[in-house]
Amino acid sequence: MKWTLQLPVLFLFAATAYVLFGGQAGGEPDLQNSDVQKPDLQEPSTTKKIVFIAGGRSHANGSHEHRAGCMLLAKRIGALPGYNAVVVTEGWPEDETVFEGASAVIFYTDGGGGHYVNKRLDSFDALMKKGVGLGTVHYGVEVPKGRAGNKFLEWTGGYFETDWSVNPVWTANFESFPKHPVAHGLKPFEIHDEWYYHMRFRKKMEGVTPILSALPGADSLKRKDGSHSGNPGVRAAVLQRKEKQHVAWVATRPKGGRGFGFTGGHFHHVWQNDNVRRMVLNGIVWIAGGEVPTGGVFSDTPDDKEMDANQDKHGKLDKRVFTYP
């Protein structure tokens, strides 16, 4: 007996296989910068405004490129349906009305004792109590222990605490991710950066979800003990107990509001990594109260020309505030 399949049946079979296996022979849908993610982003009912605070120049070319990094991210946020972004360069805004109507604020600045928020804790806390999201990137995660540190625990769930946290340059290997919107679309990857770790988190990690975690190598602790280089606590955690360290996390506030921290971003080139960029864009959408697509936030990989644009080596621009779109 001859067995045949009619054309409509063949078409149905092929279409079903495509849906089930993402159009790939290997059976895994390609979530790494695929156009299929674009329609998945739902436009919010009201426009969400994201305010980036970009610090001034503080390092050699290609490091701590706050302005260029913020502009690169803001361009992609502003391209999303229902979102707009404002980048304030060279530090704290002269006109604080820029925060009016903000759904989230991003600090990509130098921190520590010179963090812009240290002298503005009360006024900024009022903004946080309205439920505005807060994201901190690289050195922006560090504030002094005490009142500022406690506020960061409240606002974002964690921060860099001197004599507890460390700031080595090392290659982190991220093998798995939690089931959380900010991890949508991520695939295992490794990347070389100045990854701060052994962060100070809320007690029992209450309300905190780690997003990127990896076990640093012993070489990351080869420096002598110091405020940023090493201490008995971090050596015990990494060298003895072999505890993975959380270098990106998200948090919810009991009375409303969301936060995230990301300790990478020392080197400007990391923004060409699709996983890094996607995770941070996911985080911005999430802390703003938006819905992260199942495949993560799509964005074009910046080419070398875009990466070079707006770096500090080009000098100050003709204005400080830029809007997207």
C-alpha atoms as a PDB file:
ATOM      1  CA  MET A   1       0.000   0.000   0.000  1.00  0.00           C
ATOM      2  CA  LYS A   2       1.393   3.420  -0.957  1.00  0.00           C
ATOM      3  CA  TRP A   3       1.433   5.971   1.918  1.00  0.00           C
ATOM      4  CA  THR A   4       1.069   9.618   0.922  1.00  0.00           C
ATOM      5  CA  LEU A   5       0.606  12.982   2.662  1.00  0.00           C
ATOM      6  CA  GLN A   6      -1.366  15.713   1.005  1.00  0.00           C
ATOM      7  CA  LEU A   7       0.172  19.198   0.729  1.00  0.00           C
ATOM      8  CA  PRO A   8      -2.051  20.822   3.396  1.00  0.00           C
ATOM      9  CA  VAL A   9      -1.058  18.134   5.886  1.00  0.00           C
ATOM     10  CA  LEU A  10       2.621  18.627   5.119  1.00  0.00           C
ATOM     11  CA  PHE A  11       2.239  22.363   5.567  1.00  0.00           C
ATOM     12  CA  LEU A  12       0.510  21.901   8.933  1.00  0.00           C
ATOM     13  CA  PHE A  13       3.256  19.544  10.092  1.00  0.00           C
ATOM     14  CA  ALA A  14       5.986  21.980   9.052  1.00  0.00           C
ATOM     15  CA  ALA A  15       4.265  24.945  10.695  1.00  0.00           C
ATOM     16  CA  THR A  16       3.810  23.003  13.945  1.00  0.00           C
ATOM     17  CA  ALA A  17       7.480  21.993  13.972  1.00  0.00           C
ATOM     18  CA  TYR A  18       8.516  25.607  13.437  1.00  0.00           C
ATOM     19  CA  VAL A  19       6.448  26.826  16.388  1.00  0.00           C
ATOM     20  CA  LEU A  20       7.620  24.052  18.677  1.00  0.00           C
ATOM     21  CA  PHE A  21      11.314  24.311  17.815  1.00  0.00           C
ATOM     22  CA  GLY A  22      11.729  28.016  17.111  1.00  0.00           C
ATOM     23  CA  GLY A  23      12.582  27.489  13.448  1.00  0.00           C
ATOM     24  CA  GLN A  24      15.885  25.818  14.302  1.00  0.00           C
ATOM     25  CA  ALA A  25      17.136  22.311  13.672  1.00  0.00           C
ATOM     26  CA  GLY A  26      18.527  22.104  17.204  1.00  0.00           C
ATOM     27  CA  GLY A  27      15.102  22.591  18.749  1.00  0.00           C
ATOM     28  CA  GLU A  28      15.957  25.668  20.872  1.00  0.00           C
ATOM     29  CA  PRO A  29      14.373  29.013  19.952  1.00  0.00           C
ATOM     30  CA  ASP A  30      16.926  31.718  19.302  1.00  0.00           C
ATOM     31  CA  LEU A  31      16.339  34.301  21.995  1.00  0.00           C
ATOM     32  CA  GLN A  32      19.645  36.057  21.376  1.00  0.00           C
ATOM     33  CA  ASN A  33      18.775  39.254  19.555  1.00  0.00           C
ATOM     34  CA  SER A  34      16.072  37.800  17.359  1.00  0.00           C
ATOM     35  CA  ASP A  35      13.437  39.950  15.680  1.00  0.00           C
ATOM     36  CA  VAL A  36      10.726  37.578  16.914  1.00  0.00           C
ATOM     37  CA  GLN A  37      10.925  39.359  20.286  1.00  0.00           C
ATOM     38  CA  LYS A  38       9.913  42.781  19.024  1.00  0.00           C
ATOM     39  CA  PRO A  39       6.112  42.303  18.942  1.00  0.00           C
ATOM     40  CA  ASP A  40       6.217  40.775  22.433  1.00  0.00           C
ATOM     41  CA  LEU A  41       6.722  44.102  24.197  1.00  0.00           C
ATOM     42  CA  GLN A  42       3.367  45.449  25.277  1.00  0.00           C
ATOM     43  CA  GLU A  43       2.949  49.205  25.293  1.00  0.00           C
ATOM     44  CA  PRO A  44       2.171  50.500  28.802  1.00  0.00           C
ATOM     45  CA  SER A  45      -1.109  52.325  29.353  1.00  0.00           C
ATOM     46  CA  THR A  46       0.779  55.529  30.179  1.00  0.00           C
ATOM     47  CA  THR A  47       4.192  56.654  28.954  1.00  0.00           C
ATOM     48  CA  LYS A  48       7.024  55.618  31.247  1.00  0.00           C
ATOM     49  CA  LYS A  49       9.824  58.122  31.758  1.00  0.00           C
ATOM     50  CA  ILE A  50      13.320  56.883  32.616  1.00  0.00           C
ATOM     51  CA  VAL A  51      15.859  59.386  33.970  1.00  0.00           C
ATOM     52  CA  PHE A  52      19.563  58.520  33.647  1.00  0.00           C
ATOM     53  CA  ILE A  53      22.090  60.329  35.843  1.00  0.00           C
ATOM     54  CA  ALA A  54      25.457  60.058  34.092  1.00  0.00           C
ATOM     55  CA  GLY A  55      28.569  60.954  36.030  1.00  0.00           C
ATOM     56  CA  GLY A  56      31.488  62.960  34.689  1.00  0.00           C
ATOM     57  CA  ARG A  57      34.862  61.738  33.514  1.00  0.00           C
ATOM     58  CA  SER A  58      36.979  59.942  36.113  1.00  0.00           C
ATOM     59  CA  HIS A  59      38.975  57.192  34.345  1.00  0.00           C
ATOM     60  CA  ALA A  60      41.046  56.544  31.231  1.00  0.00           C
ATOM     61  CA  ASN A  61      39.430  56.120  27.823  1.00  0.00           C
ATOM     62  CA  GLY A  62      37.062  53.176  27.644  1.00  0.00           C
ATOM     63  CA  SER A  63      36.403  52.945  31.378  1.00  0.00           C
ATOM     64  CA  HIS A  64      33.619  54.562  33.405  1.00  0.00           C
ATOM     65  CA  GLU A  65      32.120  55.957  30.209  1.00  0.00           C
ATOM     66  CA  HIS A  66      29.007  57.055  32.061  1.00  0.00           C
ATOM     67  CA  ARG A  67      27.770  59.489  29.455  1.00  0.00           C
ATOM     68  CA  ALA A  68      28.288  57.219  26.463  1.00  0.00           C
ATOM     69  CA  GLY A  69      26.854  54.228  28.297  1.00  0.00           C
ATOM     70  CA  CYS A  70      23.747  56.073  29.455  1.00  0.00           C
ATOM     71  CA  MET A  71      23.118  57.501  25.999  1.00  0.00           C
ATOM     72  CA  LEU A  72      23.487  54.092  24.411  1.00  0.00           C
ATOM     73  CA  LEU A  73      20.979  52.553  26.821  1.00  0.00           C
ATOM     74  CA  ALA A  74      18.611  55.533  26.725  1.00  0.00           C
ATOM     75  CA  LYS A  75      18.466  55.399  22.934  1.00  0.00           C
ATOM     76  CA  ARG A  76      17.212  51.824  23.171  1.00  0.00           C
ATOM     77  CA  ILE A  77      14.748  52.576  25.956  1.00  0.00           C
ATOM     78  CA  GLY A  78      13.384  55.523  23.986  1.00  0.00           C
ATOM     79  CA  ALA A  79      12.799  53.254  21.005  1.00  0.00           C
ATOM     80  CA  LEU A  80      10.433  51.027  22.997  1.00  0.00           C
ATOM     81  CA  PRO A  81       6.697  51.661  22.614  1.00  0.00           C
ATOM     82  CA  GLY A  82       5.387  53.745  25.498  1.00  0.00           C
ATOM     83  CA  TYR A  83       8.785  54.765  26.891  1.00  0.00           C
ATOM     84  CA  ASN A  84      10.917  57.874  26.789  1.00  0.00           C
ATOM     85  CA  ALA A  85      14.276  58.583  28.379  1.00  0.00           C
ATOM     86  CA  VAL A  86      16.203  61.588  29.641  1.00  0.00           C
ATOM     87  CA  VAL A  87      19.969  61.566  30.145  1.00  0.00           C
ATOM     88  CA  VAL A  88      21.458  64.152  32.480  1.00  0.00           C
ATOM     89  CA  THR A  89      25.220  64.311  31.864  1.00  0.00           C
ATOM     90  CA  GLU A  90      28.032  65.618  34.054  1.00  0.00           C
ATOM     91  CA  GLY A  91      26.330  64.692  37.307  1.00  0.00           C
ATOM     92  CA  TRP A  92      23.333  65.895  39.272  1.00  0.00           C
ATOM     93  CA  PRO A  93      20.750  67.945  37.346  1.00  0.00           C
ATOM     94  CA  GLU A  94      20.698  71.680  37.827  1.00  0.00           C
ATOM     95  CA  ASP A  95      16.922  71.525  37.462  1.00  0.00           C
ATOM     96  CA  GLU A  96      15.492  68.744  39.605  1.00  0.00           C
ATOM     97  CA  THR A  97      12.111  68.994  37.925  1.00  0.00           C
ATOM     98  CA  VAL A  98      13.596  66.461  35.500  1.00  0.00           C
ATOM     99  CA  PHE A  99      12.517  63.828  38.043  1.00  0.00           C
ATOM    100  CA  GLU A 100       8.855  64.833  37.782  1.00  0.00           C
ATOM    101  CA  GLY A 101       6.811  62.025  36.278  1.00  0.00           C
ATOM    102  CA  ALA A 102       9.724  59.589  36.363  1.00  0.00           C
ATOM    103  CA  SER A 103       8.944  55.879  36.529  1.00  0.00           C
ATOM    104  CA  ALA A 104      12.585  55.002  37.235  1.00  0.00           C
ATOM    105  CA  VAL A 105      15.985  56.619  37.832  1.00  0.00           C
ATOM    106  CA  ILE A 106      19.323  55.087  36.820  1.00  0.00           C
ATOM    107  CA  PHE A 107      22.604  56.005  38.537  1.00  0.00           C
ATOM    108  CA  TYR A 108      25.602  55.297  36.284  1.00  0.00           C
ATOM    109  CA  THR A 109      28.121  57.443  38.107  1.00  0.00           C
ATOM    110  CA  ASP A 110      31.098  57.333  40.394  1.00  0.00           C
ATOM    111  CA  GLY A 111      30.063  56.579  43.937  1.00  0.00           C
ATOM    112  CA  GLY A 112      31.487  56.051  47.398  1.00  0.00           C
ATOM    113  CA  GLY A 113      31.880  59.197  49.480  1.00  0.00           C
ATOM    114  CA  GLY A 114      31.333  61.330  46.379  1.00  0.00           C
ATOM    115  CA  HIS A 115      28.068  59.736  45.274  1.00  0.00           C
ATOM    116  CA  TYR A 116      25.661  62.455  44.194  1.00  0.00           C
ATOM    117  CA  VAL A 117      22.855  61.092  46.332  1.00  0.00           C
ATOM    118  CA  ASN A 118      24.750  61.255  49.641  1.00  0.00           C
ATOM    119  CA  LYS A 119      23.831  64.891  50.269  1.00  0.00           C
ATOM    120  CA  ARG A 120      20.300  64.432  48.955  1.00  0.00           C
ATOM    121  CA  LEU A 121      19.068  61.380  50.859  1.00  0.00           C
ATOM    122  CA  ASP A 122      15.926  63.019  52.228  1.00  0.00           C
ATOM    123  CA  SER A 123      14.698  64.535  48.978  1.00  0.00           C
ATOM    124  CA  PHE A 124      15.540  61.413  46.996  1.00  0.00           C
ATOM    125  CA  ASP A 125      13.868  59.218  49.587  1.00  0.00           C
ATOM    126  CA  ALA A 126      10.672  61.179  49.024  1.00  0.00           C
ATOM    127  CA  LEU A 127      10.897  60.220  45.354  1.00  0.00           C
ATOM    128  CA  MET A 128      11.468  56.576  46.259  1.00  0.00           C
ATOM    129  CA  LYS A 129       8.450  56.614  48.561  1.00  0.00           C
ATOM    130  CA  LYS A 130       6.333  57.469  45.528  1.00  0.00           C
ATOM    131  CA  GLY A 131       7.244  54.061  44.113  1.00  0.00           C
ATOM    132  CA  VAL A 132       9.781  55.293  41.567  1.00  0.00           C
ATOM    133  CA  GLY A 133      12.209  52.527  40.554  1.00  0.00           C
ATOM    134  CA  LEU A 134      15.959  52.840  41.070  1.00  0.00           C
ATOM    135  CA  GLY A 135      18.760  51.158  39.125  1.00  0.00           C
ATOM    136  CA  THR A 136      22.429  51.420  40.069  1.00  0.00           C
ATOM    137  CA  VAL A 137      25.260  50.560  37.694  1.00  0.00           C
ATOM    138  CA  HIS A 138      28.911  49.818  38.532  1.00  0.00           C
ATOM    139  CA  TYR A 139      30.437  52.423  40.892  1.00  0.00           C
ATOM    140  CA  GLY A 140      26.933  53.803  41.298  1.00  0.00           C
ATOM    141  CA  VAL A 141      26.215  50.845  43.604  1.00  0.00           C
ATOM    142  CA  GLU A 142      28.667  52.141  46.243  1.00  0.00           C
ATOM    143  CA  VAL A 143      27.713  54.549  49.015  1.00  0.00           C
ATOM    144  CA  PRO A 144      29.125  54.945  52.529  1.00  0.00           C
ATOM    145  CA  LYS A 145      28.071  52.517  55.214  1.00  0.00           C
ATOM    146  CA  GLY A 146      25.482  53.977  57.564  1.00  0.00           C
ATOM    147  CA  ARG A 147      22.519  56.095  56.563  1.00  0.00           C
ATOM    148  CA  ALA A 148      23.272  56.081  52.826  1.00  0.00           C
ATOM    149  CA  GLY A 149      23.952  52.346  52.830  1.00  0.00           C
ATOM    150  CA  ASN A 150      20.753  51.654  54.730  1.00  0.00           C
ATOM    151  CA  LYS A 151      18.793  53.673  52.190  1.00  0.00           C
ATOM    152  CA  PHE A 152      20.311  51.672  49.349  1.00  0.00           C
ATOM    153  CA  LEU A 153      19.292  48.469  51.119  1.00  0.00           C
ATOM    154  CA  GLU A 154      15.786  49.874  51.298  1.00  0.00           C
ATOM    155  CA  TRP A 155      15.699  51.201  47.728  1.00  0.00           C
ATOM    156  CA  THR A 156      17.566  48.499  45.766  1.00  0.00           C
ATOM    157  CA  GLY A 157      18.193  45.615  48.173  1.00  0.00           C
ATOM    158  CA  GLY A 158      21.997  45.837  48.176  1.00  0.00           C
ATOM    159  CA  TYR A 159      25.105  47.988  47.778  1.00  0.00           C
ATOM    160  CA  PHE A 160      28.900  47.966  47.833  1.00  0.00           C
ATOM    161  CA  GLU A 161      30.056  48.258  51.447  1.00  0.00           C
ATOM    162  CA  THR A 162      33.714  49.085  52.050  1.00  0.00           C
ATOM    163  CA  ASP A 163      35.707  46.523  54.051  1.00  0.00           C
ATOM    164  CA  TRP A 164      33.107  43.930  53.046  1.00  0.00           C
ATOM    165  CA  SER A 165      32.730  44.137  49.260  1.00  0.00           C
ATOM    166  CA  VAL A 166      35.598  43.986  46.736  1.00  0.00           C
ATOM    167  CA  ASN A 167      36.250  45.362  43.241  1.00  0.00           C
ATOM    168  CA  PRO A 168      38.591  43.065  41.270  1.00  0.00           C
ATOM    169  CA  VAL A 169      38.820  42.641  37.510  1.00  0.00           C
ATOM    170  CA  TRP A 170      37.992  39.050  36.559  1.00  0.00           C
ATOM    171  CA  THR A 171      36.151  36.910  34.043  1.00  0.00           C
ATOM    172  CA  ALA A 172      32.722  35.877  35.308  1.00  0.00           C
ATOM    173  CA  ASN A 173      31.025  32.787  33.894  1.00  0.00           C
ATOM    174  CA  PHE A 174      27.235  32.913  34.177  1.00  0.00           C
ATOM    175  CA  GLU A 175      25.823  29.432  33.673  1.00  0.00           C
ATOM    176  CA  SER A 176      22.220  29.658  34.855  1.00  0.00           C
ATOM    177  CA  PHE A 177      19.578  32.251  35.623  1.00  0.00           C
ATOM    178  CA  PRO A 178      16.493  32.510  37.855  1.00  0.00           C
ATOM    179  CA  LYS A 179      12.914  32.449  36.661  1.00  0.00           C
ATOM    180  CA  HIS A 180      12.436  36.194  36.796  1.00  0.00           C
ATOM    181  CA  PRO A 181      11.420  38.765  34.156  1.00  0.00           C
ATOM    182  CA  VAL A 182      14.813  40.477  34.333  1.00  0.00           C
ATOM    183  CA  ALA A 183      16.456  37.191  33.293  1.00  0.00           C
ATOM    184  CA  HIS A 184      14.210  36.758  30.251  1.00  0.00           C
ATOM    185  CA  GLY A 185      16.141  35.891  27.097  1.00  0.00           C
ATOM    186  CA  LEU A 186      19.514  35.378  28.794  1.00  0.00           C
ATOM    187  CA  LYS A 187      21.808  32.555  27.723  1.00  0.00           C
ATOM    188  CA  PRO A 188      24.964  31.285  29.457  1.00  0.00           C
ATOM    189  CA  PHE A 189      27.903  33.610  28.824  1.00  0.00           C
ATOM    190  CA  GLU A 190      31.182  34.809  30.257  1.00  0.00           C
ATOM    191  CA  ILE A 191      32.719  38.252  30.156  1.00  0.00           C
ATOM    192  CA  HIS A 192      35.733  40.096  31.539  1.00  0.00           C
ATOM    193  CA  ASP A 193      34.958  43.177  33.617  1.00  0.00           C
ATOM    194  CA  GLU A 194      35.514  44.801  36.977  1.00  0.00           C
ATOM    195  CA  TRP A 195      32.831  42.809  38.725  1.00  0.00           C
ATOM    196  CA  TYR A 196      32.295  44.020  42.274  1.00  0.00           C
ATOM    197  CA  TYR A 197      31.154  41.233  44.563  1.00  0.00           C
ATOM    198  CA  HIS A 198      30.402  40.173  48.144  1.00  0.00           C
ATOM    199  CA  MET A 199      27.831  42.916  48.200  1.00  0.00           C
ATOM    200  CA  ARG A 200      25.956  43.889  51.337  1.00  0.00           C
ATOM    201  CA  PHE A 201      22.365  42.685  50.962  1.00  0.00           C
ATOM    202  CA  ARG A 202      19.259  42.837  53.104  1.00  0.00           C
ATOM    203  CA  LYS A 203      19.116  40.306  55.910  1.00  0.00           C
ATOM    204  CA  LYS A 204      18.142  36.866  54.625  1.00  0.00           C
ATOM    205  CA  MET A 205      17.969  38.396  51.113  1.00  0.00           C
ATOM    206  CA  GLU A 206      14.429  39.486  51.931  1.00  0.00           C
ATOM    207  CA  GLY A 207      12.738  40.670  48.745  1.00  0.00           C
ATOM    208  CA  VAL A 208      15.991  40.289  46.771  1.00  0.00           C
ATOM    209  CA  THR A 209      16.460  38.031  43.729  1.00  0.00           C
ATOM    210  CA  PRO A 210      19.965  37.478  42.323  1.00  0.00           C
ATOM    211  CA  ILE A 211      20.066  37.656  38.507  1.00  0.00           C
ATOM    212  CA  LEU A 212      23.760  37.158  37.655  1.00  0.00           C
ATOM    213  CA  SER A 213      25.840  34.949  39.947  1.00  0.00           C
ATOM    214  CA  ALA A 214      29.253  33.345  39.498  1.00  0.00           C
ATOM    215  CA  LEU A 215      32.106  31.950  41.585  1.00  0.00           C
ATOM    216  CA  PRO A 216      35.171  34.208  41.365  1.00  0.00           C
ATOM    217  CA  GLY A 217      38.580  32.609  41.026  1.00  0.00           C
ATOM    218  CA  ALA A 218      41.206  32.792  43.737  1.00  0.00           C
ATOM    219  CA  ASP A 219      43.143  35.311  41.598  1.00  0.00           C
ATOM    220  CA  SER A 220      40.393  37.862  42.244  1.00  0.00           C
ATOM    221  CA  LEU A 221      41.508  37.937  45.880  1.00  0.00           C
ATOM    222  CA  LYS A 222      45.270  38.073  45.360  1.00  0.00           C
ATOM    223  CA  ARG A 223      45.489  41.652  46.638  1.00  0.00           C
ATOM    224  CA  LYS A 224      46.130  42.404  50.288  1.00  0.00           C
ATOM    225  CA  ASP A 225      43.230  43.222  52.573  1.00  0.00           C
ATOM    226  CA  GLY A 226      41.928  46.750  52.171  1.00  0.00           C
ATOM    227  CA  SER A 227      38.732  48.774  51.953  1.00  0.00           C
ATOM    228  CA  HIS A 228      38.046  47.549  48.384  1.00  0.00           C
ATOM    229  CA  SER A 229      40.543  44.731  47.858  1.00  0.00           C
ATOM    230  CA  GLY A 230      39.931  42.024  50.454  1.00  0.00           C
ATOM    231  CA  ASN A 231      38.801  41.106  53.942  1.00  0.00           C
ATOM    232  CA  PRO A 232      38.371  37.953  56.047  1.00  0.00           C
ATOM    233  CA  GLY A 233      34.655  37.739  55.276  1.00  0.00           C
ATOM    234  CA  VAL A 234      34.993  37.666  51.494  1.00  0.00           C
ATOM    235  CA  ARG A 235      37.942  35.262  51.630  1.00  0.00           C
ATOM    236  CA  ALA A 236      35.942  32.810  53.724  1.00  0.00           C
ATOM    237  CA  ALA A 237      32.918  33.083  51.428  1.00  0.00           C
ATOM    238  CA  VAL A 238      34.825  32.530  48.170  1.00  0.00           C
ATOM    239  CA  LEU A 239      37.937  30.534  49.033  1.00  0.00           C
ATOM    240  CA  GLN A 240      36.536  28.320  51.781  1.00  0.00           C
ATOM    241  CA  ARG A 241      32.775  27.995  51.291  1.00  0.00           C
ATOM    242  CA  LYS A 242      32.930  28.407  47.483  1.00  0.00           C
ATOM    243  CA  GLU A 243      29.833  30.619  47.448  1.00  0.00           C
ATOM    244  CA  LYS A 244      28.744  32.089  44.138  1.00  0.00           C
ATOM    245  CA  GLN A 245      28.714  35.867  44.260  1.00  0.00           C
ATOM    246  CA  HIS A 246      25.783  37.957  43.067  1.00  0.00           C
ATOM    247  CA  VAL A 247      26.839  40.747  40.722  1.00  0.00           C
ATOM    248  CA  ALA A 248      23.359  41.707  39.497  1.00  0.00           C
ATOM    249  CA  TRP A 249      20.149  41.573  41.482  1.00  0.00           C
ATOM    250  CA  VAL A 250      16.639  42.981  41.739  1.00  0.00           C
ATOM    251  CA  ALA A 251      14.526  43.856  44.744  1.00  0.00           C
ATOM    252  CA  THR A 252      11.026  44.894  45.701  1.00  0.00           C
ATOM    253  CA  ARG A 253      10.170  47.381  48.431  1.00  0.00           C
ATOM    254  CA  PRO A 254       7.526  46.387  50.969  1.00  0.00           C
ATOM    255  CA  LYS A 255       5.627  49.654  50.507  1.00  0.00           C
ATOM    256  CA  GLY A 256       5.965  49.763  46.735  1.00  0.00           C
ATOM    257  CA  GLY A 257       8.748  50.334  44.269  1.00  0.00           C
ATOM    258  CA  ARG A 258      11.477  48.229  42.699  1.00  0.00           C
ATOM    259  CA  GLY A 259      15.239  48.391  42.406  1.00  0.00           C
ATOM    260  CA  PHE A 260      18.155  46.677  40.718  1.00  0.00           C
ATOM    261  CA  GLY A 261      21.918  46.676  41.014  1.00  0.00           C
ATOM    262  CA  PHE A 262      24.515  45.756  38.403  1.00  0.00           C
ATOM    263  CA  THR A 263      28.177  45.822  39.407  1.00  0.00           C
ATOM    264  CA  GLY A 264      29.638  45.469  35.897  1.00  0.00           C
ATOM    265  CA  GLY A 265      30.034  48.249  33.386  1.00  0.00           C
ATOM    266  CA  HIS A 266      33.571  49.366  34.215  1.00  0.00           C
ATOM    267  CA  PHE A 267      34.654  48.716  30.629  1.00  0.00           C
ATOM    268  CA  HIS A 268      32.575  50.385  27.953  1.00  0.00           C
ATOM    269  CA  HIS A 269      32.885  47.410  25.609  1.00  0.00           C
ATOM    270  CA  VAL A 270      30.532  45.313  27.744  1.00  0.00           C
ATOM    271  CA  TRP A 271      27.565  47.118  26.167  1.00  0.00           C
ATOM    272  CA  GLN A 272      28.289  45.272  22.929  1.00  0.00           C
ATOM    273  CA  ASN A 273      27.525  42.012  24.727  1.00  0.00           C
ATOM    274  CA  ASP A 274      23.909  41.174  23.941  1.00  0.00           C
ATOM    275  CA  ASN A 275      23.326  39.364  27.247  1.00  0.00           C
ATOM    276  CA  VAL A 276      24.658  42.220  29.367  1.00  0.00           C
ATOM    277  CA  ARG A 277      22.707  44.844  27.459  1.00  0.00           C
ATOM    278  CA  ARG A 278      19.530  42.759  27.490  1.00  0.00           C
ATOM    279  CA  MET A 279      19.705  42.125  31.230  1.00  0.00           C
ATOM    280  CA  VAL A 280      20.144  45.819  32.026  1.00  0.00           C
ATOM    281  CA  LEU A 281      17.367  46.875  29.638  1.00  0.00           C
ATOM    282  CA  ASN A 282      15.129  44.184  31.147  1.00  0.00           C
ATOM    283  CA  GLY A 283      15.953  45.602  34.572  1.00  0.00           C
ATOM    284  CA  ILE A 284      15.081  49.149  33.561  1.00  0.00           C
ATOM    285  CA  VAL A 285      11.721  48.089  32.137  1.00  0.00           C
ATOM    286  CA  TRP A 286      10.986  45.990  35.234  1.00  0.00           C
ATOM    287  CA  ILE A 287      11.829  48.648  37.845  1.00  0.00           C
ATOM    288  CA  ALA A 288       9.686  51.097  35.872  1.00  0.00           C
ATOM    289  CA  GLY A 289       6.740  48.755  36.371  1.00  0.00           C
ATOM    290  CA  GLY A 290       6.697  47.606  32.759  1.00  0.00           C
ATOM    291  CA  GLU A 291       6.208  44.132  31.390  1.00  0.00           C
ATOM    292  CA  VAL A 292       9.402  42.449  30.177  1.00  0.00           C
ATOM    293  CA  PRO A 293       8.924  40.392  26.979  1.00  0.00           C
ATOM    294  CA  THR A 294       9.300  36.628  27.339  1.00  0.00           C
ATOM    295  CA  GLY A 295      12.431  36.783  25.186  1.00  0.00           C
ATOM    296  CA  GLY A 296      13.800  39.868  26.915  1.00  0.00           C
ATOM    297  CA  VAL A 297      14.035  43.410  25.587  1.00  0.00           C
ATOM    298  CA  PHE A 298      15.288  43.395  22.009  1.00  0.00           C
ATOM    299  CA  SER A 299      17.966  45.900  21.011  1.00  0.00           C
ATOM    300  CA  ASP A 300      20.419  46.246  18.158  1.00  0.00           C
ATOM    301  CA  THR A 301      24.044  45.498  18.986  1.00  0.00           C
ATOM    302  CA  PRO A 302      25.915  48.829  18.844  1.00  0.00           C
ATOM    303  CA  ASP A 303      28.631  48.975  16.205  1.00  0.00           C
ATOM    304  CA  ASP A 304      32.083  50.462  16.819  1.00  0.00           C
ATOM    305  CA  LYS A 305      30.989  53.889  15.578  1.00  0.00           C
ATOM    306  CA  GLU A 306      28.143  54.074  18.087  1.00  0.00           C
ATOM    307  CA  MET A 307      30.394  52.752  20.844  1.00  0.00           C
ATOM    308  CA  ASP A 308      32.881  55.550  20.167  1.00  0.00           C
ATOM    309  CA  ALA A 309      30.234  58.260  20.086  1.00  0.00           C
ATOM    310  CA  ASN A 310      29.839  60.415  23.199  1.00  0.00           C
ATOM    311  CA  GLN A 311      32.851  58.980  25.009  1.00  0.00           C
ATOM    312  CA  ASP A 312      34.545  61.403  27.386  1.00  0.00           C
ATOM    313  CA  LYS A 313      37.599  61.718  25.130  1.00  0.00           C
ATOM    314  CA  HIS A 314      35.469  63.831  22.786  1.00  0.00           C
ATOM    315  CA  GLY A 315      35.100  66.523  25.430  1.00  0.00           C
ATOM    316  CA  LYS A 316      32.023  68.185  26.858  1.00  0.00           C
ATOM    317  CA  LEU A 317      28.939  68.463  24.708  1.00  0.00           C
ATOM    318  CA  ASP A 318      26.984  71.633  23.920  1.00  0.00           C
ATOM    319  CA  LYS A 319      24.332  70.787  26.483  1.00  0.00           C
ATOM    320  CA  ARG A 320      23.855  68.549  29.509  1.00  0.00           C
ATOM    321  CA  VAL A 321      20.378  67.082  29.069  1.00  0.00           C
ATOM    322  CA  PHE A 322      19.353  64.809  26.199  1.00  0.00           C
ATOM    323  CA  THR A 323      15.971  63.196  25.518  1.00  0.00           C
ATOM    324  CA  TYR A 324      15.047  60.014  23.651  1.00  0.00           C
ATOM    325  CA  PRO A 325      13.260  59.666  21.336  1.00  0.00           C
END
